[in-house]
Amino acid sequence: MSLFSLCTGQISVQRATVATDATGGVVRQWQTVAANIPATILTLRASANTNMDRRGILTTHLIILPENPAARVGDRVSDGTDWYLVRFTADLGDRGRAWAIFAQLIDPQS
């Protein structure tokens, strides 16, 4: 069984570019980095992960992917209905066959 068969949904990854407006204020514009990546999103409901907690990383969801999503900390991920802020990424197994994104559910306006 491959990880592709477990990834029944799709996500897109967006990265913010910072620009200034006419009054000198800072404006973030989100650009799509990757789209239509097969993934599955799991809600983390167990007790806090002490390793993540020590690092000060607040996570609410785990996103598992069979390919590199090109996501960085601070990017946002969408599954079409919800938005997640990328808090940490990891190559599971160090062979590029499985990736994890630890994310926090966010308000899309942030």
PDB file of N, CA and C in Angstrom:
ATOM      1  N   MET A   1       0.847  -1.171   0.000  1.00  0.00           N
ATOM      2  CA  MET A   1       0.000   0.000   0.000  1.00  0.00           C
ATOM      3  C   MET A   1       0.893   1.235   0.000  1.00  0.00           C
ATOM      4  N   SER A   2       0.566   2.170  -0.867  1.00  0.00           N
ATOM      5  CA  SER A   2       1.363   3.390  -0.927  1.00  0.00           C
ATOM      6  C   SER A   2       0.654   4.508  -0.170  1.00  0.00           C
ATOM      7  N   LEU A   3       1.412   5.540   0.105  1.00  0.00           N
ATOM      8  CA  LEU A   3       0.854   6.692   0.805  1.00  0.00           C
ATOM      9  C   LEU A   3      -0.170   7.426  -0.066  1.00  0.00           C
ATOM     10  N   PHE A   4      -0.043   7.310  -1.394  1.00  0.00           N
ATOM     11  CA  PHE A   4      -1.000   7.956  -2.291  1.00  0.00           C
ATOM     12  C   PHE A   4      -2.429   7.480  -2.032  1.00  0.00           C
ATOM     13  N   SER A   5      -2.595   6.197  -1.719  1.00  0.00           N
ATOM     14  CA  SER A   5      -3.940   5.673  -1.482  1.00  0.00           C
ATOM     15  C   SER A   5      -4.554   6.211  -0.199  1.00  0.00           C
ATOM     16  N   LEU A   6      -3.725   6.648   0.754  1.00  0.00           N
ATOM     17  CA  LEU A   6      -4.235   7.218   1.997  1.00  0.00           C
ATOM     18  C   LEU A   6      -4.534   8.714   1.882  1.00  0.00           C
ATOM     19  N   CYS A   7      -3.956   9.364   0.893  1.00  0.00           N
ATOM     20  CA  CYS A   7      -4.138  10.813   0.711  1.00  0.00           C
ATOM     21  C   CYS A   7      -5.319  11.056  -0.211  1.00  0.00           C
ATOM     22  N   THR A   8      -6.489  11.190   0.380  1.00  0.00           N
ATOM     23  CA  THR A   8      -7.717  11.295  -0.400  1.00  0.00           C
ATOM     24  C   THR A   8      -8.095  12.734  -0.746  1.00  0.00           C
ATOM     25  N   GLY A   9      -7.459  13.702  -0.105  1.00  0.00           N
ATOM     26  CA  GLY A   9      -7.762  15.101  -0.402  1.00  0.00           C
ATOM     27  C   GLY A   9      -6.642  15.760  -1.170  1.00  0.00           C
ATOM     28  N   GLN A  10      -6.812  17.058  -1.406  1.00  0.00           N
ATOM     29  CA  GLN A  10      -5.784  17.840  -2.077  1.00  0.00           C
ATOM     30  C   GLN A  10      -5.595  19.158  -1.348  1.00  0.00           C
ATOM     31  N   ILE A  11      -4.367  19.672  -1.381  1.00  0.00           N
ATOM     32  CA  ILE A  11      -4.078  20.956  -0.755  1.00  0.00           C
ATOM     33  C   ILE A  11      -3.337  21.842  -1.732  1.00  0.00           C
ATOM     34  N   SER A  12      -3.305  23.127  -1.397  1.00  0.00           N
ATOM     35  CA  SER A  12      -2.445  24.069  -2.102  1.00  0.00           C
ATOM     36  C   SER A  12      -1.647  24.826  -1.052  1.00  0.00           C
ATOM     37  N   VAL A  13      -0.431  25.222  -1.422  1.00  0.00           N
ATOM     38  CA  VAL A  13       0.463  25.945  -0.528  1.00  0.00           C
ATOM     39  C   VAL A  13       0.636  27.357  -1.060  1.00  0.00           C
ATOM     40  N   GLN A  14       0.489  28.346  -0.177  1.00  0.00           N
ATOM     41  CA  GLN A  14       0.663  29.745  -0.561  1.00  0.00           C
ATOM     42  C   GLN A  14       1.724  30.396   0.301  1.00  0.00           C
ATOM     43  N   ARG A  15       2.478  31.317  -0.312  1.00  0.00           N
ATOM     44  CA  ARG A  15       3.534  32.043   0.389  1.00  0.00           C
ATOM     45  C   ARG A  15       3.266  33.537   0.256  1.00  0.00           C
ATOM     46  N   ALA A  16       3.489  34.262   1.341  1.00  0.00           N
ATOM     47  CA  ALA A  16       3.239  35.702   1.357  1.00  0.00           C
ATOM     48  C   ALA A  16       4.421  36.459   0.770  1.00  0.00           C
ATOM     49  N   THR A  17       4.103  37.452  -0.040  1.00  0.00           N
ATOM     50  CA  THR A  17       5.095  38.415  -0.483  1.00  0.00           C
ATOM     51  C   THR A  17       4.704  39.743   0.140  1.00  0.00           C
ATOM     52  N   VAL A  18       5.685  40.437   0.636  1.00  0.00           N
ATOM     53  CA  VAL A  18       5.417  41.690   1.338  1.00  0.00           C
ATOM     54  C   VAL A  18       5.690  42.858   0.401  1.00  0.00           C
ATOM     55  N   ALA A  19       4.752  43.789   0.359  1.00  0.00           N
ATOM     56  CA  ALA A  19       4.886  44.993  -0.462  1.00  0.00           C
ATOM     57  C   ALA A  19       4.387  46.182   0.353  1.00  0.00           C
ATOM     58  N   THR A  20       4.656  47.366  -0.117  1.00  0.00           N
ATOM     59  CA  THR A  20       4.157  48.570   0.545  1.00  0.00           C
ATOM     60  C   THR A  20       3.070  49.188  -0.310  1.00  0.00           C
ATOM     61  N   ASP A  21       2.066  49.744   0.362  1.00  0.00           N
ATOM     62  CA  ASP A  21       0.996  50.412  -0.366  1.00  0.00           C
ATOM     63  C   ASP A  21       1.346  51.889  -0.543  1.00  0.00           C
ATOM     64  N   ALA A  22       0.413  52.668  -1.082  1.00  0.00           N
ATOM     65  CA  ALA A  22       0.651  54.082  -1.391  1.00  0.00           C
ATOM     66  C   ALA A  22       0.948  54.918  -0.150  1.00  0.00           C
ATOM     67  N   THR A  23       0.432  54.487   1.011  1.00  0.00           N
ATOM     68  CA  THR A  23       0.659  55.251   2.240  1.00  0.00           C
ATOM     69  C   THR A  23       1.870  54.758   3.025  1.00  0.00           C
ATOM     70  N   GLY A  24       2.570  53.773   2.498  1.00  0.00           N
ATOM     71  CA  GLY A  24       3.751  53.248   3.174  1.00  0.00           C
ATOM     72  C   GLY A  24       3.468  52.087   4.104  1.00  0.00           C
ATOM     73  N   GLY A  25       2.239  51.631   4.138  1.00  0.00           N
ATOM     74  CA  GLY A  25       1.883  50.488   4.976  1.00  0.00           C
ATOM     75  C   GLY A  25       2.322  49.175   4.338  1.00  0.00           C
ATOM     76  N   VAL A  26       2.400  48.167   5.135  1.00  0.00           N
ATOM     77  CA  VAL A  26       2.821  46.850   4.662  1.00  0.00           C
ATOM     78  C   VAL A  26       1.600  46.041   4.249  1.00  0.00           C
ATOM     79  N   VAL A  27       1.690  45.433   3.073  1.00  0.00           N
ATOM     80  CA  VAL A  27       0.605  44.622   2.534  1.00  0.00           C
ATOM     81  C   VAL A  27       1.167  43.253   2.169  1.00  0.00           C
ATOM     82  N   ARG A  28       0.494  42.181   2.648  1.00  0.00           N
ATOM     83  CA  ARG A  28       0.885  40.828   2.271  1.00  0.00           C
ATOM     84  C   ARG A  28       0.006  40.359   1.126  1.00  0.00           C
ATOM     85  N   GLN A  29       0.640  39.845   0.091  1.00  0.00           N
ATOM     86  CA  GLN A  29      -0.080  39.247  -1.019  1.00  0.00           C
ATOM     87  C   GLN A  29       0.328  37.786  -1.099  1.00  0.00           C
ATOM     88  N   TRP A  30      -0.659  36.894  -1.177  1.00  0.00           N
ATOM     89  CA  TRP A  30      -0.389  35.461  -1.153  1.00  0.00           C
ATOM     90  C   TRP A  30      -0.284  34.928  -2.568  1.00  0.00           C
ATOM     91  N   GLN A  31       0.824  34.238  -2.832  1.00  0.00           N
ATOM     92  CA  GLN A  31       1.082  33.622  -4.126  1.00  0.00           C
ATOM     93  C   GLN A  31       1.078  32.103  -3.965  1.00  0.00           C
ATOM     94  N   THR A  32       0.459  31.399  -4.893  1.00  0.00           N
ATOM     95  CA  THR A  32       0.423  29.943  -4.831  1.00  0.00           C
ATOM     96  C   THR A  32       1.780  29.374  -5.231  1.00  0.00           C
ATOM     97  N   VAL A  33       2.342  28.551  -4.354  1.00  0.00           N
ATOM     98  CA  VAL A  33       3.635  27.905  -4.596  1.00  0.00           C
ATOM     99  C   VAL A  33       3.423  26.528  -5.211  1.00  0.00           C
ATOM    100  N   ALA A  34       2.444  25.797  -4.710  1.00  0.00           N
ATOM    101  CA  ALA A  34       2.127  24.457  -5.216  1.00  0.00           C
ATOM    102  C   ALA A  34       0.629  24.238  -5.088  1.00  0.00           C
ATOM    103  N   ALA A  35       0.051  23.529  -6.036  1.00  0.00           N
ATOM    104  CA  ALA A  35      -1.388  23.277  -6.016  1.00  0.00           C
ATOM    105  C   ALA A  35      -1.674  21.818  -6.353  1.00  0.00           C
ATOM    106  N   ASN A  36      -2.849  21.361  -5.942  1.00  0.00           N
ATOM    107  CA  ASN A  36      -3.336  20.010  -6.230  1.00  0.00           C
ATOM    108  C   ASN A  36      -2.379  18.923  -5.747  1.00  0.00           C
ATOM    109  N   ILE A  37      -1.851  19.107  -4.536  1.00  0.00           N
ATOM    110  CA  ILE A  37      -0.969  18.112  -3.937  1.00  0.00           C
ATOM    111  C   ILE A  37      -1.834  17.126  -3.150  1.00  0.00           C
ATOM    112  N   PRO A  38      -1.727  15.817  -3.420  1.00  0.00           N
ATOM    113  CA  PRO A  38      -2.500  14.850  -2.644  1.00  0.00           C
ATOM    114  C   PRO A  38      -2.072  14.883  -1.183  1.00  0.00           C
ATOM    115  N   ALA A  39      -3.056  14.877  -0.285  1.00  0.00           N
ATOM    116  CA  ALA A  39      -2.741  14.969   1.145  1.00  0.00           C
ATOM    117  C   ALA A  39      -3.909  14.449   1.969  1.00  0.00           C
ATOM    118  N   THR A  40      -3.606  14.192   3.229  1.00  0.00           N
ATOM    119  CA  THR A  40      -4.649  13.909   4.205  1.00  0.00           C
ATOM    120  C   THR A  40      -4.379  14.780   5.419  1.00  0.00           C
ATOM    121  N   ILE A  41      -5.435  15.333   5.996  1.00  0.00           N
ATOM    122  CA  ILE A  41      -5.313  16.253   7.123  1.00  0.00           C
ATOM    123  C   ILE A  41      -5.927  15.599   8.351  1.00  0.00           C
ATOM    124  N   LEU A  42      -5.116  15.481   9.402  1.00  0.00           N
ATOM    125  CA  LEU A  42      -5.556  14.863  10.643  1.00  0.00           C
ATOM    126  C   LEU A  42      -5.609  15.902  11.750  1.00  0.00           C
ATOM    127  N   THR A  43      -6.661  15.868  12.547  1.00  0.00           N
ATOM    128  CA  THR A  43      -6.782  16.765  13.684  1.00  0.00           C
ATOM    129  C   THR A  43      -6.034  16.168  14.861  1.00  0.00           C
ATOM    130  N   LEU A  44      -5.199  16.977  15.493  1.00  0.00           N
ATOM    131  CA  LEU A  44      -4.452  16.523  16.666  1.00  0.00           C
ATOM    132  C   LEU A  44      -5.290  16.780  17.899  1.00  0.00           C
ATOM    133  N   ARG A  45      -5.755  15.705  18.543  1.00  0.00           N
ATOM    134  CA  ARG A  45      -6.633  15.862  19.706  1.00  0.00           C
ATOM    135  C   ARG A  45      -6.024  15.299  20.973  1.00  0.00           C
ATOM    136  N   ALA A  46      -4.882  14.686  20.880  1.00  0.00           N
ATOM    137  CA  ALA A  46      -4.256  14.090  22.059  1.00  0.00           C
ATOM    138  C   ALA A  46      -3.599  15.180  22.890  1.00  0.00           C
ATOM    139  N   SER A  47      -2.900  14.784  23.930  1.00  0.00           N
ATOM    140  CA  SER A  47      -2.207  15.760  24.759  1.00  0.00           C
ATOM    141  C   SER A  47      -1.115  16.441  23.937  1.00  0.00           C
ATOM    142  N   ALA A  48      -0.682  17.576  24.390  1.00  0.00           N
ATOM    143  CA  ALA A  48       0.302  18.365  23.653  1.00  0.00           C
ATOM    144  C   ALA A  48       1.590  17.582  23.448  1.00  0.00           C
ATOM    145  N   ASN A  49       2.151  17.712  22.275  1.00  0.00           N
ATOM    146  CA  ASN A  49       3.435  17.079  21.974  1.00  0.00           C
ATOM    147  C   ASN A  49       4.513  17.867  22.705  1.00  0.00           C
ATOM    148  N   THR A  50       5.193  17.234  23.654  1.00  0.00           N
ATOM    149  CA  THR A  50       6.147  17.969  24.480  1.00  0.00           C
ATOM    150  C   THR A  50       7.325  18.498  23.675  1.00  0.00           C
ATOM    151  N   ASN A  51       7.731  17.799  22.632  1.00  0.00           N
ATOM    152  CA  ASN A  51       8.820  18.312  21.799  1.00  0.00           C
ATOM    153  C   ASN A  51       8.413  19.604  21.108  1.00  0.00           C
ATOM    154  N   MET A  52       7.216  19.647  20.557  1.00  0.00           N
ATOM    155  CA  MET A  52       6.739  20.853  19.895  1.00  0.00           C
ATOM    156  C   MET A  52       6.463  21.953  20.920  1.00  0.00           C
ATOM    157  N   ASP A  53       5.926  21.552  22.070  1.00  0.00           N
ATOM    158  CA  ASP A  53       5.598  22.524  23.108  1.00  0.00           C
ATOM    159  C   ASP A  53       6.850  23.231  23.614  1.00  0.00           C
ATOM    160  N   ARG A  54       7.925  22.497  23.755  1.00  0.00           N
ATOM    161  CA  ARG A  54       9.182  23.110  24.208  1.00  0.00           C
ATOM    162  C   ARG A  54       9.688  24.133  23.207  1.00  0.00           C
ATOM    163  N   ARG A  55       9.435  23.897  21.955  1.00  0.00           N
ATOM    164  CA  ARG A  55       9.875  24.827  20.916  1.00  0.00           C
ATOM    165  C   ARG A  55       8.920  26.001  20.755  1.00  0.00           C
ATOM    166  N   GLY A  56       7.802  25.968  21.448  1.00  0.00           N
ATOM    167  CA  GLY A  56       6.828  27.048  21.340  1.00  0.00           C
ATOM    168  C   GLY A  56       5.997  26.986  20.080  1.00  0.00           C
ATOM    169  N   ILE A  57       5.798  25.788  19.547  1.00  0.00           N
ATOM    170  CA  ILE A  57       5.041  25.624  18.312  1.00  0.00           C
ATOM    171  C   ILE A  57       3.635  25.149  18.660  1.00  0.00           C
ATOM    172  N   LEU A  58       2.632  25.922  18.294  1.00  0.00           N
ATOM    173  CA  LEU A  58       1.247  25.550  18.519  1.00  0.00           C
ATOM    174  C   LEU A  58       0.715  24.883  17.261  1.00  0.00           C
ATOM    175  N   THR A  59       0.328  23.626  17.364  1.00  0.00           N
ATOM    176  CA  THR A  59      -0.201  22.904  16.214  1.00  0.00           C
ATOM    177  C   THR A  59      -1.578  22.340  16.540  1.00  0.00           C
ATOM    178  N   THR A  60      -2.448  22.349  15.546  1.00  0.00           N
ATOM    179  CA  THR A  60      -3.784  21.778  15.698  1.00  0.00           C
ATOM    180  C   THR A  60      -4.035  20.651  14.706  1.00  0.00           C
ATOM    181  N   HIS A  61      -3.250  20.610  13.634  1.00  0.00           N
ATOM    182  CA  HIS A  61      -3.469  19.615  12.583  1.00  0.00           C
ATOM    183  C   HIS A  61      -2.136  19.080  12.059  1.00  0.00           C
ATOM    184  N   LEU A  62      -2.188  17.846  11.587  1.00  0.00           N
ATOM    185  CA  LEU A  62      -1.057  17.210  10.929  1.00  0.00           C
ATOM    186  C   LEU A  62      -1.478  16.913   9.497  1.00  0.00           C
ATOM    187  N   ILE A  63      -0.679  17.377   8.549  1.00  0.00           N
ATOM    188  CA  ILE A  63      -0.957  17.154   7.129  1.00  0.00           C
ATOM    189  C   ILE A  63       0.112  16.197   6.614  1.00  0.00           C
ATOM    190  N   ILE A  64      -0.316  15.069   6.058  1.00  0.00           N
ATOM    191  CA  ILE A  64       0.602  14.060   5.553  1.00  0.00           C
ATOM    192  C   ILE A  64       0.512  14.042   4.027  1.00  0.00           C
ATOM    193  N   LEU A  65       1.703  14.041   3.386  1.00  0.00           N
ATOM    194  CA  LEU A  65       1.779  14.110   1.932  1.00  0.00           C
ATOM    195  C   LEU A  65       2.779  13.094   1.389  1.00  0.00           C
ATOM    196  N   PRO A  66       2.564  12.576   0.177  1.00  0.00           N
ATOM    197  CA  PRO A  66       3.514  11.627  -0.408  1.00  0.00           C
ATOM    198  C   PRO A  66       4.627  12.302  -1.201  1.00  0.00           C
ATOM    199  N   GLU A  67       4.628  13.626  -1.294  1.00  0.00           N
ATOM    200  CA  GLU A  67       5.663  14.339  -2.034  1.00  0.00           C
ATOM    201  C   GLU A  67       6.016  15.627  -1.313  1.00  0.00           C
ATOM    202  N   ASN A  68       7.128  16.215  -1.677  1.00  0.00           N
ATOM    203  CA  ASN A  68       7.590  17.444  -1.046  1.00  0.00           C
ATOM    204  C   ASN A  68       6.641  18.586  -1.397  1.00  0.00           C
ATOM    205  N   PRO A  69       6.033  19.226  -0.401  1.00  0.00           N
ATOM    206  CA  PRO A  69       5.072  20.290  -0.677  1.00  0.00           C
ATOM    207  C   PRO A  69       5.718  21.647  -0.921  1.00  0.00           C
ATOM    208  N   ALA A  70       7.014  21.756  -0.734  1.00  0.00           N
ATOM    209  CA  ALA A  70       7.745  23.027  -0.876  1.00  0.00           C
ATOM    210  C   ALA A  70       7.234  24.078   0.103  1.00  0.00           C
ATOM    211  N   ALA A  71       6.725  23.638   1.231  1.00  0.00           N
ATOM    212  CA  ALA A  71       6.180  24.553   2.234  1.00  0.00           C
ATOM    213  C   ALA A  71       7.274  24.964   3.215  1.00  0.00           C
ATOM    214  N   ARG A  72       7.206  26.217   3.644  1.00  0.00           N
ATOM    215  CA  ARG A  72       8.123  26.755   4.644  1.00  0.00           C
ATOM    216  C   ARG A  72       7.315  27.221   5.849  1.00  0.00           C
ATOM    217  N   VAL A  73       8.007  27.389   6.954  1.00  0.00           N
ATOM    218  CA  VAL A  73       7.350  27.938   8.140  1.00  0.00           C
ATOM    219  C   VAL A  73       6.828  29.334   7.794  1.00  0.00           C
ATOM    220  N   GLY A  74       5.561  29.595   8.107  1.00  0.00           N
ATOM    221  CA  GLY A  74       4.937  30.873   7.808  1.00  0.00           C
ATOM    222  C   GLY A  74       4.061  30.848   6.571  1.00  0.00           C
ATOM    223  N   ASP A  75       4.191  29.819   5.730  1.00  0.00           N
ATOM    224  CA  ASP A  75       3.305  29.673   4.579  1.00  0.00           C
ATOM    225  C   ASP A  75       1.926  29.276   5.077  1.00  0.00           C
ATOM    226  N   ARG A  76       0.958  29.301   4.193  1.00  0.00           N
ATOM    227  CA  ARG A  76      -0.366  28.806   4.566  1.00  0.00           C
ATOM    228  C   ARG A  76      -0.802  27.749   3.570  1.00  0.00           C
ATOM    229  N   VAL A  77      -1.613  26.834   4.081  1.00  0.00           N
ATOM    230  CA  VAL A  77      -2.089  25.693   3.308  1.00  0.00           C
ATOM    231  C   VAL A  77      -3.609  25.735   3.299  1.00  0.00           C
ATOM    232  N   SER A  78      -4.192  25.424   2.144  1.00  0.00           N
ATOM    233  CA  SER A  78      -5.645  25.378   2.039  1.00  0.00           C
ATOM    234  C   SER A  78      -6.075  24.041   1.466  1.00  0.00           C
ATOM    235  N   ASP A  79      -7.169  23.521   2.017  1.00  0.00           N
ATOM    236  CA  ASP A  79      -7.752  22.300   1.473  1.00  0.00           C
ATOM    237  C   ASP A  79      -9.046  22.618   0.719  1.00  0.00           C
ATOM    238  N   GLY A  80      -9.295  23.878   0.470  1.00  0.00           N
ATOM    239  CA  GLY A  80     -10.502  24.305  -0.235  1.00  0.00           C
ATOM    240  C   GLY A  80     -11.544  24.894   0.693  1.00  0.00           C
ATOM    241  N   THR A  81     -11.509  24.530   1.956  1.00  0.00           N
ATOM    242  CA  THR A  81     -12.473  25.075   2.917  1.00  0.00           C
ATOM    243  C   THR A  81     -11.800  25.751   4.099  1.00  0.00           C
ATOM    244  N   ASP A  82     -10.698  25.204   4.575  1.00  0.00           N
ATOM    245  CA  ASP A  82     -10.011  25.746   5.742  1.00  0.00           C
ATOM    246  C   ASP A  82      -8.599  26.184   5.381  1.00  0.00           C
ATOM    247  N   TRP A  83      -8.054  27.068   6.228  1.00  0.00           N
ATOM    248  CA  TRP A  83      -6.686  27.551   6.066  1.00  0.00           C
ATOM    249  C   TRP A  83      -5.867  27.133   7.275  1.00  0.00           C
ATOM    250  N   TYR A  84      -4.616  26.755   7.022  1.00  0.00           N
ATOM    251  CA  TYR A  84      -3.708  26.310   8.063  1.00  0.00           C
ATOM    252  C   TYR A  84      -2.384  27.050   7.916  1.00  0.00           C
ATOM    253  N   LEU A  85      -1.831  27.498   9.035  1.00  0.00           N
ATOM    254  CA  LEU A  85      -0.537  28.144   9.058  1.00  0.00           C
ATOM    255  C   LEU A  85       0.532  27.084   9.284  1.00  0.00           C
ATOM    256  N   VAL A  86       1.541  27.036   8.426  1.00  0.00           N
ATOM    257  CA  VAL A  86       2.614  26.044   8.541  1.00  0.00           C
ATOM    258  C   VAL A  86       3.507  26.421   9.710  1.00  0.00           C
ATOM    259  N   ARG A  87       3.644  25.495  10.665  1.00  0.00           N
ATOM    260  CA  ARG A  87       4.476  25.709  11.842  1.00  0.00           C
ATOM    261  C   ARG A  87       5.776  24.919  11.794  1.00  0.00           C
ATOM    262  N   PHE A  88       5.756  23.760  11.110  1.00  0.00           N
ATOM    263  CA  PHE A  88       6.934  22.898  11.065  1.00  0.00           C
ATOM    264  C   PHE A  88       6.726  21.892   9.936  1.00  0.00           C
ATOM    265  N   THR A  89       7.788  21.561   9.203  1.00  0.00           N
ATOM    266  CA  THR A  89       7.702  20.520   8.185  1.00  0.00           C
ATOM    267  C   THR A  89       8.771  19.461   8.456  1.00  0.00           C
ATOM    268  N   ALA A  90       8.495  18.244   8.031  1.00  0.00           N
ATOM    269  CA  ALA A  90       9.450  17.162   8.267  1.00  0.00           C
ATOM    270  C   ALA A  90       9.390  16.149   7.132  1.00  0.00           C
ATOM    271  N   ASP A  91      10.557  15.671   6.751  1.00  0.00           N
ATOM    272  CA  ASP A  91      10.680  14.578   5.801  1.00  0.00           C
ATOM    273  C   ASP A  91      10.613  13.287   6.624  1.00  0.00           C
ATOM    274  N   LEU A  92       9.564  12.528   6.456  1.00  0.00           N
ATOM    275  CA  LEU A  92       9.380  11.305   7.237  1.00  0.00           C
ATOM    276  C   LEU A  92      10.144  10.161   6.583  1.00  0.00           C
ATOM    277  N   GLY A  93      11.219   9.745   7.180  1.00  0.00           N
ATOM    278  CA  GLY A  93      12.000   8.645   6.659  1.00  0.00           C
ATOM    279  C   GLY A  93      13.202   9.079   5.851  1.00  0.00           C
ATOM    280  N   ASP A  94      13.374  10.366   5.647  1.00  0.00           N
ATOM    281  CA  ASP A  94      14.544  10.925   4.963  1.00  0.00           C
ATOM    282  C   ASP A  94      14.753  10.404   3.551  1.00  0.00           C
ATOM    283  N   ARG A  95      13.719   9.996   2.888  1.00  0.00           N
ATOM    284  CA  ARG A  95      13.874   9.528   1.510  1.00  0.00           C
ATOM    285  C   ARG A  95      12.975  10.286   0.550  1.00  0.00           C
ATOM    286  N   GLY A  96      12.289  11.306   1.034  1.00  0.00           N
ATOM    287  CA  GLY A  96      11.429  12.101   0.178  1.00  0.00           C
ATOM    288  C   GLY A  96      10.166  11.406  -0.260  1.00  0.00           C
ATOM    289  N   ARG A  97       9.789  10.332   0.421  1.00  0.00           N
ATOM    290  CA  ARG A  97       8.590   9.581   0.043  1.00  0.00           C
ATOM    291  C   ARG A  97       7.377   9.933   0.876  1.00  0.00           C
ATOM    292  N   ALA A  98       7.608  10.585   1.995  1.00  0.00           N
ATOM    293  CA  ALA A  98       6.508  10.970   2.876  1.00  0.00           C
ATOM    294  C   ALA A  98       6.902  12.251   3.601  1.00  0.00           C
ATOM    295  N   TRP A  99       5.997  13.209   3.627  1.00  0.00           N
ATOM    296  CA  TRP A  99       6.254  14.501   4.253  1.00  0.00           C
ATOM    297  C   TRP A  99       5.149  14.802   5.247  1.00  0.00           C
ATOM    298  N   ALA A 100       5.478  15.559   6.256  1.00  0.00           N
ATOM    299  CA  ALA A 100       4.497  15.982   7.255  1.00  0.00           C
ATOM    300  C   ALA A 100       4.585  17.486   7.426  1.00  0.00           C
ATOM    301  N   ILE A 101       3.425  18.095   7.549  1.00  0.00           N
ATOM    302  CA  ILE A 101       3.335  19.515   7.877  1.00  0.00           C
ATOM    303  C   ILE A 101       2.553  19.606   9.177  1.00  0.00           C
ATOM    304  N   PHE A 102       3.168  20.182  10.194  1.00  0.00           N
ATOM    305  CA  PHE A 102       2.465  20.468  11.439  1.00  0.00           C
ATOM    306  C   PHE A 102       1.912  21.875  11.283  1.00  0.00           C
ATOM    307  N   ALA A 103       0.605  22.026  11.419  1.00  0.00           N
ATOM    308  CA  ALA A 103      -0.030  23.294  11.094  1.00  0.00           C
ATOM    309  C   ALA A 103      -1.027  23.707  12.174  1.00  0.00           C
ATOM    310  N   GLN A 104      -1.402  24.973  12.109  1.00  0.00           N
ATOM    311  CA  GLN A 104      -2.385  25.541  13.018  1.00  0.00           C
ATOM    312  C   GLN A 104      -3.545  26.091  12.191  1.00  0.00           C
ATOM    313  N   LEU A 105      -4.759  25.716  12.549  1.00  0.00           N
ATOM    314  CA  LEU A 105      -5.951  26.223  11.886  1.00  0.00           C
ATOM    315  C   LEU A 105      -6.040  27.730  12.127  1.00  0.00           C
ATOM    316  N   ILE A 106      -6.235  28.505  11.042  1.00  0.00           N
ATOM    317  CA  ILE A 106      -6.255  29.962  11.162  1.00  0.00           C
ATOM    318  C   ILE A 106      -7.467  30.556  10.484  1.00  0.00           C
ATOM    319  N   ASP A 107      -7.675  31.827  10.782  1.00  0.00           N
ATOM    320  CA  ASP A 107      -8.660  32.639  10.095  1.00  0.00           C
ATOM    321  C   ASP A 107      -8.036  33.072   8.777  1.00  0.00           C
ATOM    322  N   PRO A 108      -8.735  32.915   7.640  1.00  0.00           N
ATOM    323  CA  PRO A 108      -8.100  33.228   6.359  1.00  0.00           C
ATOM    324  C   PRO A 108      -7.716  34.706   6.200  1.00  0.00           C
ATOM    325  N   GLN A 109      -8.252  35.579   7.006  1.00  0.00           N
ATOM    326  CA  GLN A 109      -7.920  36.991   6.870  1.00  0.00           C
ATOM    327  C   GLN A 109      -6.582  37.343   7.509  1.00  0.00           C
ATOM    328  N   SER A 110      -5.994  36.431   8.292  1.00  0.00           N
ATOM    329  CA  SER A 110      -4.735  36.750   8.974  1.00  0.00           C
ATOM    330  C   SER A 110      -3.544  36.529   8.087  1.00  0.00           C
TER     331      SER A 110
END
